[in-house]
Amino acid sequence: LDYSEQVLMLMQQMGYEGTLPYATTSLNVANALRAAGLHKESLAFYESIFPSYQENLDPNDERFASLYNNLSLLYQEMGDFESAAVCLRQALSIVSTGEDIIKVAITHSNLGATLLQLGKTEQAISHLEQSLAIFNRLEEKEFHYNAAVAAMGQAYVSLGQLEEARECYL
């Protein structure tokens, strides 16, 4: 946190406020504040990034998706799963226009897990199925695959489909 404060001060002294490098640094600071449990301060930094991104980036730039994904994590930590879902839907609309199918799978998985927290099991399953369909086409699974399978297990538990849940957990 001390280094975050110092780097922002240096960037301000160098006239970088309002630029993309400053916004990127602010995103890192927001993430550090979130990790430290300083939610209110973190939210202020996340919100301060939007004007710079809107002025300097295409609306489908993946940096917006990254911002929405990180902001969704903050909302989840704050227990605001509705806002987290809104952010993840925004991120999904951006990553879906790109070529990185793993980002699409991860975002579907994160949205599915968030929807489970809201009790929207059918919607969650739809996103988790889309995530798993992508992951299952890949030769090598990465750690986000495990989160998608575990979330699907949770969805099955909530529907009382315990054998299906067991298979996911295994």
N, C-alpha and C. Protein backbone atom coordinates (compact mmCIF):
# COMPACT_ATOMS: atom_id res chain seq x y z
N LEU A 1 0.82 -1.20 0.00
CA LEU A 1 0.00 0.00 0.00
C LEU A 1 0.87 1.26 0.00
N ASP A 2 1.99 1.18 0.72
CA ASP A 2 2.91 2.32 0.72
C ASP A 2 3.45 2.58 -0.69
N TYR A 3 3.84 1.52 -1.39
CA TYR A 3 4.35 1.68 -2.75
C TYR A 3 3.27 2.19 -3.69
N SER A 4 2.04 1.78 -3.46
CA SER A 4 0.94 2.27 -4.29
C SER A 4 0.81 3.78 -4.17
N GLU A 5 0.87 4.24 -2.95
CA GLU A 5 0.77 5.68 -2.72
C GLU A 5 1.94 6.41 -3.38
N GLN A 6 3.13 5.85 -3.26
CA GLN A 6 4.32 6.48 -3.83
C GLN A 6 4.27 6.53 -5.35
N VAL A 7 3.87 5.42 -5.98
CA VAL A 7 3.84 5.40 -7.44
C VAL A 7 2.79 6.37 -7.99
N LEU A 8 1.66 6.47 -7.32
CA LEU A 8 0.65 7.42 -7.77
C LEU A 8 1.14 8.86 -7.64
N MET A 9 1.84 9.14 -6.54
CA MET A 9 2.39 10.49 -6.35
C MET A 9 3.41 10.81 -7.45
N LEU A 10 4.27 9.86 -7.74
CA LEU A 10 5.26 10.07 -8.79
C LEU A 10 4.60 10.29 -10.15
N MET A 11 3.59 9.49 -10.44
CA MET A 11 2.91 9.64 -11.73
C MET A 11 2.19 10.98 -11.83
N GLN A 12 1.63 11.44 -10.73
CA GLN A 12 0.97 12.75 -10.72
C GLN A 12 2.00 13.85 -10.95
N GLN A 13 3.15 13.74 -10.29
CA GLN A 13 4.21 14.74 -10.46
C GLN A 13 4.71 14.77 -11.90
N MET A 14 4.68 13.62 -12.57
CA MET A 14 5.14 13.54 -13.95
C MET A 14 4.05 13.89 -14.96
N GLY A 15 2.85 14.21 -14.48
CA GLY A 15 1.77 14.63 -15.36
C GLY A 15 1.03 13.49 -16.06
N TYR A 16 1.02 12.32 -15.44
CA TYR A 16 0.39 11.16 -16.06
C TYR A 16 -1.09 10.99 -15.71
N GLU A 17 -1.63 11.81 -14.83
CA GLU A 17 -3.03 11.66 -14.46
C GLU A 17 -3.91 11.72 -15.71
N GLY A 18 -4.91 10.86 -15.76
CA GLY A 18 -5.82 10.84 -16.90
C GLY A 18 -5.33 10.01 -18.08
N THR A 19 -4.15 9.42 -17.97
CA THR A 19 -3.61 8.62 -19.06
C THR A 19 -3.87 7.14 -18.82
N LEU A 20 -3.69 6.33 -19.85
CA LEU A 20 -3.85 4.89 -19.69
C LEU A 20 -2.84 4.28 -18.72
N PRO A 21 -1.56 4.70 -18.76
CA PRO A 21 -0.64 4.15 -17.76
C PRO A 21 -1.08 4.47 -16.32
N TYR A 22 -1.62 5.66 -16.12
CA TYR A 22 -2.11 6.02 -14.79
C TYR A 22 -3.32 5.15 -14.41
N ALA A 23 -4.21 4.92 -15.38
CA ALA A 23 -5.37 4.08 -15.12
C ALA A 23 -4.95 2.64 -14.79
N THR A 24 -3.96 2.13 -15.52
CA THR A 24 -3.46 0.78 -15.24
C THR A 24 -2.87 0.70 -13.84
N THR A 25 -2.13 1.71 -13.47
CA THR A 25 -1.55 1.75 -12.12
C THR A 25 -2.67 1.85 -11.09
N SER A 26 -3.68 2.64 -11.38
CA SER A 26 -4.83 2.76 -10.47
C SER A 26 -5.54 1.43 -10.31
N LEU A 27 -5.62 0.64 -11.38
CA LEU A 27 -6.23 -0.69 -11.29
C LEU A 27 -5.43 -1.57 -10.34
N ASN A 28 -4.11 -1.49 -10.45
CA ASN A 28 -3.26 -2.26 -9.54
C ASN A 28 -3.42 -1.80 -8.10
N VAL A 29 -3.54 -0.51 -7.91
CA VAL A 29 -3.76 0.03 -6.56
C VAL A 29 -5.12 -0.43 -6.03
N ALA A 30 -6.14 -0.38 -6.87
CA ALA A 30 -7.47 -0.83 -6.45
C ALA A 30 -7.43 -2.29 -6.03
N ASN A 31 -6.70 -3.11 -6.79
CA ASN A 31 -6.57 -4.53 -6.44
C ASN A 31 -5.84 -4.71 -5.11
N ALA A 32 -4.80 -3.91 -4.89
CA ALA A 32 -4.06 -3.99 -3.62
C ALA A 32 -4.96 -3.58 -2.45
N LEU A 33 -5.72 -2.53 -2.64
CA LEU A 33 -6.64 -2.09 -1.59
C LEU A 33 -7.70 -3.16 -1.30
N ARG A 34 -8.20 -3.78 -2.37
CA ARG A 34 -9.18 -4.86 -2.20
C ARG A 34 -8.57 -6.01 -1.41
N ALA A 35 -7.35 -6.39 -1.78
CA ALA A 35 -6.67 -7.49 -1.09
C ALA A 35 -6.42 -7.17 0.38
N ALA A 36 -6.25 -5.89 0.68
CA ALA A 36 -6.03 -5.46 2.07
C ALA A 36 -7.35 -5.30 2.83
N GLY A 37 -8.46 -5.52 2.16
CA GLY A 37 -9.76 -5.40 2.82
C GLY A 37 -10.28 -3.99 2.92
N LEU A 38 -9.67 -3.06 2.20
CA LEU A 38 -10.11 -1.67 2.21
C LEU A 38 -11.10 -1.45 1.05
N HIS A 39 -12.29 -1.97 1.24
CA HIS A 39 -13.27 -2.03 0.16
C HIS A 39 -13.72 -0.66 -0.35
N LYS A 40 -14.01 0.24 0.56
CA LYS A 40 -14.50 1.57 0.16
C LYS A 40 -13.44 2.30 -0.67
N GLU A 41 -12.21 2.24 -0.22
CA GLU A 41 -11.11 2.89 -0.94
C GLU A 41 -10.87 2.22 -2.29
N SER A 42 -10.95 0.89 -2.30
CA SER A 42 -10.78 0.14 -3.53
C SER A 42 -11.84 0.52 -4.55
N LEU A 43 -13.08 0.59 -4.12
CA LEU A 43 -14.19 0.95 -5.01
C LEU A 43 -13.96 2.33 -5.63
N ALA A 44 -13.48 3.27 -4.84
CA ALA A 44 -13.22 4.62 -5.36
C ALA A 44 -12.17 4.58 -6.48
N PHE A 45 -11.13 3.76 -6.31
CA PHE A 45 -10.11 3.65 -7.35
C PHE A 45 -10.67 2.99 -8.61
N TYR A 46 -11.42 1.90 -8.43
CA TYR A 46 -12.02 1.25 -9.60
C TYR A 46 -12.88 2.24 -10.38
N GLU A 47 -13.70 2.98 -9.66
CA GLU A 47 -14.59 3.93 -10.32
C GLU A 47 -13.83 5.05 -11.02
N SER A 48 -12.66 5.42 -10.48
CA SER A 48 -11.87 6.49 -11.08
C SER A 48 -11.25 6.09 -12.42
N ILE A 49 -11.19 4.81 -12.70
CA ILE A 49 -10.56 4.31 -13.92
C ILE A 49 -11.48 4.45 -15.13
N PHE A 50 -12.77 4.34 -14.92
CA PHE A 50 -13.72 4.34 -16.04
C PHE A 50 -13.60 5.55 -16.96
N PRO A 51 -13.51 6.79 -16.45
CA PRO A 51 -13.42 7.93 -17.38
C PRO A 51 -12.22 7.84 -18.32
N SER A 52 -11.07 7.45 -17.81
CA SER A 52 -9.87 7.34 -18.64
C SER A 52 -10.04 6.24 -19.68
N TYR A 53 -10.57 5.11 -19.27
CA TYR A 53 -10.80 4.02 -20.22
C TYR A 53 -11.81 4.44 -21.28
N GLN A 54 -12.89 5.09 -20.87
CA GLN A 54 -13.92 5.50 -21.82
C GLN A 54 -13.38 6.52 -22.83
N GLU A 55 -12.46 7.35 -22.39
CA GLU A 55 -11.89 8.36 -23.27
C GLU A 55 -10.84 7.78 -24.21
N ASN A 56 -10.12 6.77 -23.77
CA ASN A 56 -8.95 6.30 -24.52
C ASN A 56 -9.06 4.91 -25.15
N LEU A 57 -10.10 4.16 -24.81
CA LEU A 57 -10.18 2.78 -25.29
C LEU A 57 -11.47 2.51 -26.04
N ASP A 58 -11.41 1.54 -26.93
CA ASP A 58 -12.61 1.02 -27.58
C ASP A 58 -13.44 0.32 -26.50
N PRO A 59 -14.76 0.42 -26.57
CA PRO A 59 -15.59 -0.22 -25.54
C PRO A 59 -15.39 -1.73 -25.42
N ASN A 60 -14.88 -2.38 -26.47
CA ASN A 60 -14.64 -3.82 -26.43
C ASN A 60 -13.19 -4.18 -26.12
N ASP A 61 -12.41 -3.21 -25.69
CA ASP A 61 -11.02 -3.48 -25.32
C ASP A 61 -11.01 -4.38 -24.08
N GLU A 62 -10.14 -5.37 -24.11
CA GLU A 62 -10.10 -6.34 -23.01
C GLU A 62 -9.70 -5.72 -21.68
N ARG A 63 -9.13 -4.53 -21.70
CA ARG A 63 -8.81 -3.88 -20.43
C ARG A 63 -10.09 -3.51 -19.68
N PHE A 64 -11.17 -3.23 -20.44
CA PHE A 64 -12.47 -3.01 -19.78
C PHE A 64 -12.93 -4.30 -19.11
N ALA A 65 -12.77 -5.42 -19.81
CA ALA A 65 -13.18 -6.71 -19.23
C ALA A 65 -12.40 -6.98 -17.94
N SER A 66 -11.12 -6.69 -17.95
CA SER A 66 -10.30 -6.87 -16.76
C SER A 66 -10.80 -5.99 -15.62
N LEU A 67 -11.12 -4.75 -15.93
CA LEU A 67 -11.65 -3.84 -14.92
C LEU A 67 -12.96 -4.38 -14.34
N TYR A 68 -13.86 -4.82 -15.21
CA TYR A 68 -15.14 -5.36 -14.73
C TYR A 68 -14.93 -6.63 -13.91
N ASN A 69 -14.02 -7.50 -14.34
CA ASN A 69 -13.75 -8.73 -13.58
C ASN A 69 -13.22 -8.41 -12.19
N ASN A 70 -12.26 -7.49 -12.11
CA ASN A 70 -11.70 -7.12 -10.81
C ASN A 70 -12.74 -6.44 -9.93
N LEU A 71 -13.55 -5.58 -10.53
CA LEU A 71 -14.60 -4.91 -9.77
C LEU A 71 -15.62 -5.93 -9.26
N SER A 72 -15.89 -6.96 -10.06
CA SER A 72 -16.83 -7.99 -9.60
C SER A 72 -16.29 -8.71 -8.37
N LEU A 73 -14.98 -8.93 -8.32
CA LEU A 73 -14.38 -9.56 -7.13
C LEU A 73 -14.61 -8.70 -5.89
N LEU A 74 -14.46 -7.40 -6.04
CA LEU A 74 -14.71 -6.50 -4.91
C LEU A 74 -16.16 -6.61 -4.45
N TYR A 75 -17.08 -6.55 -5.41
CA TYR A 75 -18.49 -6.64 -5.05
C TYR A 75 -18.80 -7.97 -4.36
N GLN A 76 -18.18 -9.06 -4.84
CA GLN A 76 -18.39 -10.35 -4.18
C GLN A 76 -17.90 -10.31 -2.74
N GLU A 77 -16.72 -9.74 -2.53
CA GLU A 77 -16.18 -9.64 -1.17
C GLU A 77 -17.06 -8.77 -0.27
N MET A 78 -17.75 -7.81 -0.88
CA MET A 78 -18.65 -6.94 -0.13
C MET A 78 -20.03 -7.58 0.06
N GLY A 79 -20.25 -8.75 -0.56
CA GLY A 79 -21.54 -9.42 -0.46
C GLY A 79 -22.59 -8.88 -1.41
N ASP A 80 -22.18 -8.05 -2.34
CA ASP A 80 -23.10 -7.45 -3.32
C ASP A 80 -23.02 -8.27 -4.62
N PHE A 81 -23.70 -9.43 -4.60
CA PHE A 81 -23.61 -10.34 -5.74
C PHE A 81 -24.39 -9.83 -6.96
N GLU A 82 -25.40 -9.00 -6.74
CA GLU A 82 -26.12 -8.40 -7.88
C GLU A 82 -25.18 -7.52 -8.70
N SER A 83 -24.44 -6.64 -8.03
CA SER A 83 -23.50 -5.78 -8.74
C SER A 83 -22.38 -6.59 -9.37
N ALA A 84 -21.95 -7.64 -8.67
CA ALA A 84 -20.91 -8.51 -9.23
C ALA A 84 -21.40 -9.15 -10.52
N ALA A 85 -22.65 -9.60 -10.55
CA ALA A 85 -23.21 -10.22 -11.75
C ALA A 85 -23.29 -9.22 -12.89
N VAL A 86 -23.67 -7.99 -12.59
CA VAL A 86 -23.73 -6.94 -13.62
C VAL A 86 -22.34 -6.75 -14.24
N CYS A 87 -21.33 -6.68 -13.40
CA CYS A 87 -19.95 -6.51 -13.89
C CYS A 87 -19.52 -7.70 -14.75
N LEU A 88 -19.84 -8.90 -14.29
CA LEU A 88 -19.44 -10.09 -15.04
C LEU A 88 -20.17 -10.19 -16.37
N ARG A 89 -21.40 -9.73 -16.42
CA ARG A 89 -22.12 -9.71 -17.72
C ARG A 89 -21.44 -8.73 -18.67
N GLN A 90 -21.01 -7.60 -18.14
CA GLN A 90 -20.28 -6.63 -18.96
C GLN A 90 -18.98 -7.24 -19.48
N ALA A 91 -18.25 -7.89 -18.59
CA ALA A 91 -16.98 -8.52 -18.98
C ALA A 91 -17.24 -9.59 -20.03
N LEU A 92 -18.29 -10.38 -19.84
CA LEU A 92 -18.61 -11.45 -20.79
C LEU A 92 -18.93 -10.89 -22.17
N SER A 93 -19.64 -9.78 -22.21
CA SER A 93 -19.97 -9.19 -23.51
C SER A 93 -18.72 -8.73 -24.24
N ILE A 94 -17.70 -8.37 -23.50
CA ILE A 94 -16.44 -7.92 -24.12
C ILE A 94 -15.59 -9.12 -24.54
N VAL A 95 -15.36 -10.06 -23.63
CA VAL A 95 -14.48 -11.18 -23.97
C VAL A 95 -15.09 -12.07 -25.04
N SER A 96 -16.41 -12.06 -25.16
CA SER A 96 -17.07 -12.87 -26.18
C SER A 96 -16.79 -12.37 -27.60
N THR A 97 -16.35 -11.12 -27.70
CA THR A 97 -16.03 -10.59 -29.03
C THR A 97 -14.59 -10.89 -29.43
N GLY A 98 -13.80 -11.40 -28.50
CA GLY A 98 -12.40 -11.68 -28.76
C GLY A 98 -12.17 -13.13 -29.16
N GLU A 99 -10.91 -13.47 -29.23
CA GLU A 99 -10.53 -14.81 -29.67
C GLU A 99 -10.05 -15.71 -28.55
N ASP A 100 -9.93 -15.19 -27.34
CA ASP A 100 -9.42 -15.97 -26.22
C ASP A 100 -10.58 -16.72 -25.56
N ILE A 101 -10.77 -17.97 -25.99
CA ILE A 101 -11.91 -18.74 -25.48
C ILE A 101 -11.76 -19.10 -24.01
N ILE A 102 -10.54 -19.13 -23.52
CA ILE A 102 -10.35 -19.43 -22.09
C ILE A 102 -10.93 -18.30 -21.24
N LYS A 103 -10.75 -17.05 -21.67
CA LYS A 103 -11.34 -15.93 -20.94
C LYS A 103 -12.86 -16.01 -20.95
N VAL A 104 -13.42 -16.47 -22.07
CA VAL A 104 -14.87 -16.64 -22.16
C VAL A 104 -15.31 -17.71 -21.16
N ALA A 105 -14.59 -18.83 -21.14
CA ALA A 105 -14.94 -19.93 -20.23
C ALA A 105 -14.83 -19.48 -18.77
N ILE A 106 -13.77 -18.77 -18.44
CA ILE A 106 -13.57 -18.30 -17.06
C ILE A 106 -14.68 -17.34 -16.66
N THR A 107 -15.04 -16.44 -17.55
CA THR A 107 -16.08 -15.46 -17.21
C THR A 107 -17.44 -16.12 -17.07
N HIS A 108 -17.75 -17.08 -17.94
CA HIS A 108 -19.00 -17.84 -17.76
C HIS A 108 -19.00 -18.55 -16.40
N SER A 109 -17.87 -19.14 -16.04
CA SER A 109 -17.76 -19.84 -14.76
C SER A 109 -17.96 -18.89 -13.59
N ASN A 110 -17.29 -17.75 -13.63
CA ASN A 110 -17.42 -16.76 -12.54
C ASN A 110 -18.85 -16.24 -12.44
N LEU A 111 -19.48 -15.99 -13.59
CA LEU A 111 -20.86 -15.52 -13.57
C LEU A 111 -21.78 -16.61 -13.03
N GLY A 112 -21.55 -17.85 -13.44
CA GLY A 112 -22.36 -18.95 -12.92
C GLY A 112 -22.25 -19.07 -11.42
N ALA A 113 -21.04 -19.00 -10.89
CA ALA A 113 -20.83 -19.09 -9.44
C ALA A 113 -21.51 -17.93 -8.72
N THR A 114 -21.46 -16.75 -9.31
CA THR A 114 -22.12 -15.58 -8.71
C THR A 114 -23.63 -15.73 -8.72
N LEU A 115 -24.16 -16.24 -9.81
CA LEU A 115 -25.61 -16.44 -9.89
C LEU A 115 -26.08 -17.48 -8.88
N LEU A 116 -25.24 -18.46 -8.59
CA LEU A 116 -25.58 -19.43 -7.54
C LEU A 116 -25.75 -18.72 -6.19
N GLN A 117 -24.89 -17.75 -5.92
CA GLN A 117 -24.99 -16.99 -4.67
C GLN A 117 -26.30 -16.22 -4.59
N LEU A 118 -26.86 -15.90 -5.75
CA LEU A 118 -28.12 -15.16 -5.80
C LEU A 118 -29.33 -16.10 -5.84
N GLY A 119 -29.08 -17.40 -5.83
CA GLY A 119 -30.18 -18.37 -5.90
C GLY A 119 -30.76 -18.53 -7.28
N LYS A 120 -30.05 -18.07 -8.29
CA LYS A 120 -30.52 -18.17 -9.69
C LYS A 120 -29.87 -19.40 -10.33
N THR A 121 -30.30 -20.56 -9.85
CA THR A 121 -29.63 -21.81 -10.19
C THR A 121 -29.72 -22.14 -11.67
N GLU A 122 -30.88 -21.98 -12.28
CA GLU A 122 -31.03 -22.32 -13.70
C GLU A 122 -30.13 -21.45 -14.58
N GLN A 123 -30.09 -20.15 -14.30
CA GLN A 123 -29.19 -19.26 -15.05
C GLN A 123 -27.74 -19.65 -14.81
N ALA A 124 -27.43 -19.98 -13.57
CA ALA A 124 -26.07 -20.37 -13.22
C ALA A 124 -25.66 -21.60 -14.01
N ILE A 125 -26.53 -22.60 -14.05
CA ILE A 125 -26.22 -23.83 -14.77
C ILE A 125 -25.97 -23.55 -16.24
N SER A 126 -26.76 -22.67 -16.82
CA SER A 126 -26.55 -22.33 -18.22
C SER A 126 -25.15 -21.79 -18.46
N HIS A 127 -24.69 -20.88 -17.61
CA HIS A 127 -23.34 -20.32 -17.76
C HIS A 127 -22.27 -21.36 -17.46
N LEU A 128 -22.51 -22.18 -16.46
CA LEU A 128 -21.53 -23.21 -16.11
C LEU A 128 -21.41 -24.25 -17.23
N GLU A 129 -22.54 -24.60 -17.84
CA GLU A 129 -22.50 -25.53 -18.97
C GLU A 129 -21.69 -24.95 -20.13
N GLN A 130 -21.88 -23.67 -20.39
CA GLN A 130 -21.12 -23.03 -21.47
C GLN A 130 -19.63 -23.02 -21.14
N SER A 131 -19.31 -22.74 -19.89
CA SER A 131 -17.92 -22.74 -19.46
C SER A 131 -17.31 -24.12 -19.63
N LEU A 132 -18.00 -25.13 -19.12
CA LEU A 132 -17.47 -26.49 -19.18
C LEU A 132 -17.38 -27.01 -20.61
N ALA A 133 -18.29 -26.60 -21.46
CA ALA A 133 -18.22 -27.01 -22.88
C ALA A 133 -16.93 -26.50 -23.51
N ILE A 134 -16.54 -25.28 -23.16
CA ILE A 134 -15.29 -24.72 -23.70
C ILE A 134 -14.10 -25.46 -23.09
N PHE A 135 -14.09 -25.57 -21.77
CA PHE A 135 -12.96 -26.24 -21.10
C PHE A 135 -12.79 -27.69 -21.60
N ASN A 136 -13.90 -28.37 -21.84
CA ASN A 136 -13.82 -29.77 -22.25
C ASN A 136 -13.28 -29.93 -23.67
N ARG A 137 -13.28 -28.87 -24.46
CA ARG A 137 -12.68 -28.92 -25.81
C ARG A 137 -11.16 -28.77 -25.75
N LEU A 138 -10.65 -28.32 -24.63
CA LEU A 138 -9.22 -28.07 -24.50
C LEU A 138 -8.49 -29.34 -24.08
N GLU A 139 -7.33 -29.54 -24.64
CA GLU A 139 -6.53 -30.71 -24.27
C GLU A 139 -6.07 -30.62 -22.82
N GLU A 140 -5.58 -29.45 -22.45
CA GLU A 140 -5.04 -29.26 -21.11
C GLU A 140 -5.97 -28.36 -20.32
N LYS A 141 -6.39 -28.83 -19.16
CA LYS A 141 -7.26 -28.04 -18.29
C LYS A 141 -6.38 -27.14 -17.42
N GLU A 142 -6.91 -26.00 -17.07
CA GLU A 142 -6.21 -25.13 -16.14
C GLU A 142 -7.08 -24.96 -14.90
N PHE A 143 -6.55 -24.28 -13.89
CA PHE A 143 -7.19 -24.31 -12.57
C PHE A 143 -8.61 -23.74 -12.56
N HIS A 144 -8.95 -22.86 -13.48
CA HIS A 144 -10.31 -22.33 -13.51
C HIS A 144 -11.34 -23.42 -13.85
N TYR A 145 -10.89 -24.44 -14.56
CA TYR A 145 -11.77 -25.57 -14.88
C TYR A 145 -12.30 -26.19 -13.59
N ASN A 146 -11.42 -26.35 -12.60
CA ASN A 146 -11.82 -26.95 -11.33
C ASN A 146 -12.90 -26.12 -10.65
N ALA A 147 -12.78 -24.82 -10.72
CA ALA A 147 -13.78 -23.94 -10.11
C ALA A 147 -15.13 -24.10 -10.81
N ALA A 148 -15.11 -24.26 -12.13
CA ALA A 148 -16.36 -24.43 -12.88
C ALA A 148 -17.03 -25.75 -12.51
N VAL A 149 -16.24 -26.81 -12.40
CA VAL A 149 -16.79 -28.12 -12.04
C VAL A 149 -17.34 -28.09 -10.61
N ALA A 150 -16.61 -27.46 -9.70
CA ALA A 150 -17.08 -27.36 -8.31
C ALA A 150 -18.37 -26.54 -8.22
N ALA A 151 -18.46 -25.47 -8.98
CA ALA A 151 -19.68 -24.66 -8.99
C ALA A 151 -20.85 -25.46 -9.56
N MET A 152 -20.58 -26.27 -10.58
CA MET A 152 -21.64 -27.12 -11.13
C MET A 152 -22.09 -28.12 -10.06
N GLY A 153 -21.15 -28.65 -9.30
CA GLY A 153 -21.51 -29.54 -8.20
C GLY A 153 -22.41 -28.85 -7.20
N GLN A 154 -22.08 -27.61 -6.88
CA GLN A 154 -22.90 -26.82 -5.96
C GLN A 154 -24.31 -26.62 -6.53
N ALA A 155 -24.39 -26.36 -7.84
CA ALA A 155 -25.70 -26.18 -8.48
C ALA A 155 -26.53 -27.46 -8.37
N TYR A 156 -25.89 -28.60 -8.61
CA TYR A 156 -26.60 -29.87 -8.50
C TYR A 156 -27.07 -30.12 -7.07
N VAL A 157 -26.26 -29.78 -6.09
CA VAL A 157 -26.66 -29.94 -4.68
C VAL A 157 -27.92 -29.11 -4.42
N SER A 158 -27.93 -27.87 -4.91
CA SER A 158 -29.08 -27.00 -4.65
C SER A 158 -30.36 -27.52 -5.31
N LEU A 159 -30.19 -28.33 -6.38
CA LEU A 159 -31.35 -28.93 -7.05
C LEU A 159 -31.69 -30.31 -6.46
N GLY A 160 -30.89 -30.75 -5.49
CA GLY A 160 -31.12 -32.05 -4.90
C GLY A 160 -30.65 -33.21 -5.76
N GLN A 161 -29.84 -32.92 -6.77
CA GLN A 161 -29.31 -33.95 -7.66
C GLN A 161 -27.93 -34.37 -7.14
N LEU A 162 -27.96 -35.17 -6.09
CA LEU A 162 -26.75 -35.46 -5.34
C LEU A 162 -25.78 -36.38 -6.08
N GLU A 163 -26.28 -37.28 -6.89
CA GLU A 163 -25.38 -38.16 -7.64
C GLU A 163 -24.59 -37.35 -8.68
N GLU A 164 -25.27 -36.41 -9.35
CA GLU A 164 -24.59 -35.55 -10.31
C GLU A 164 -23.56 -34.66 -9.61
N ALA A 165 -23.94 -34.16 -8.43
CA ALA A 165 -23.02 -33.34 -7.64
C ALA A 165 -21.79 -34.15 -7.25
N ARG A 166 -22.02 -35.38 -6.82
CA ARG A 166 -20.92 -36.26 -6.43
C ARG A 166 -19.94 -36.44 -7.58
N GLU A 167 -20.48 -36.67 -8.77
CA GLU A 167 -19.62 -36.86 -9.95
C GLU A 167 -18.77 -35.60 -10.21
N CYS A 168 -19.36 -34.44 -10.03
CA CYS A 168 -18.59 -33.20 -10.22
C CYS A 168 -17.47 -33.11 -9.20
N TYR A 169 -17.80 -33.39 -7.96
CA TYR A 169 -16.79 -33.26 -6.91
C TYR A 169 -15.68 -34.30 -7.07
N LEU A 170 -16.04 -35.48 -7.53
CA LEU A 170 -15.00 -36.49 -7.78
C LEU A 170 -14.10 -36.07 -8.92
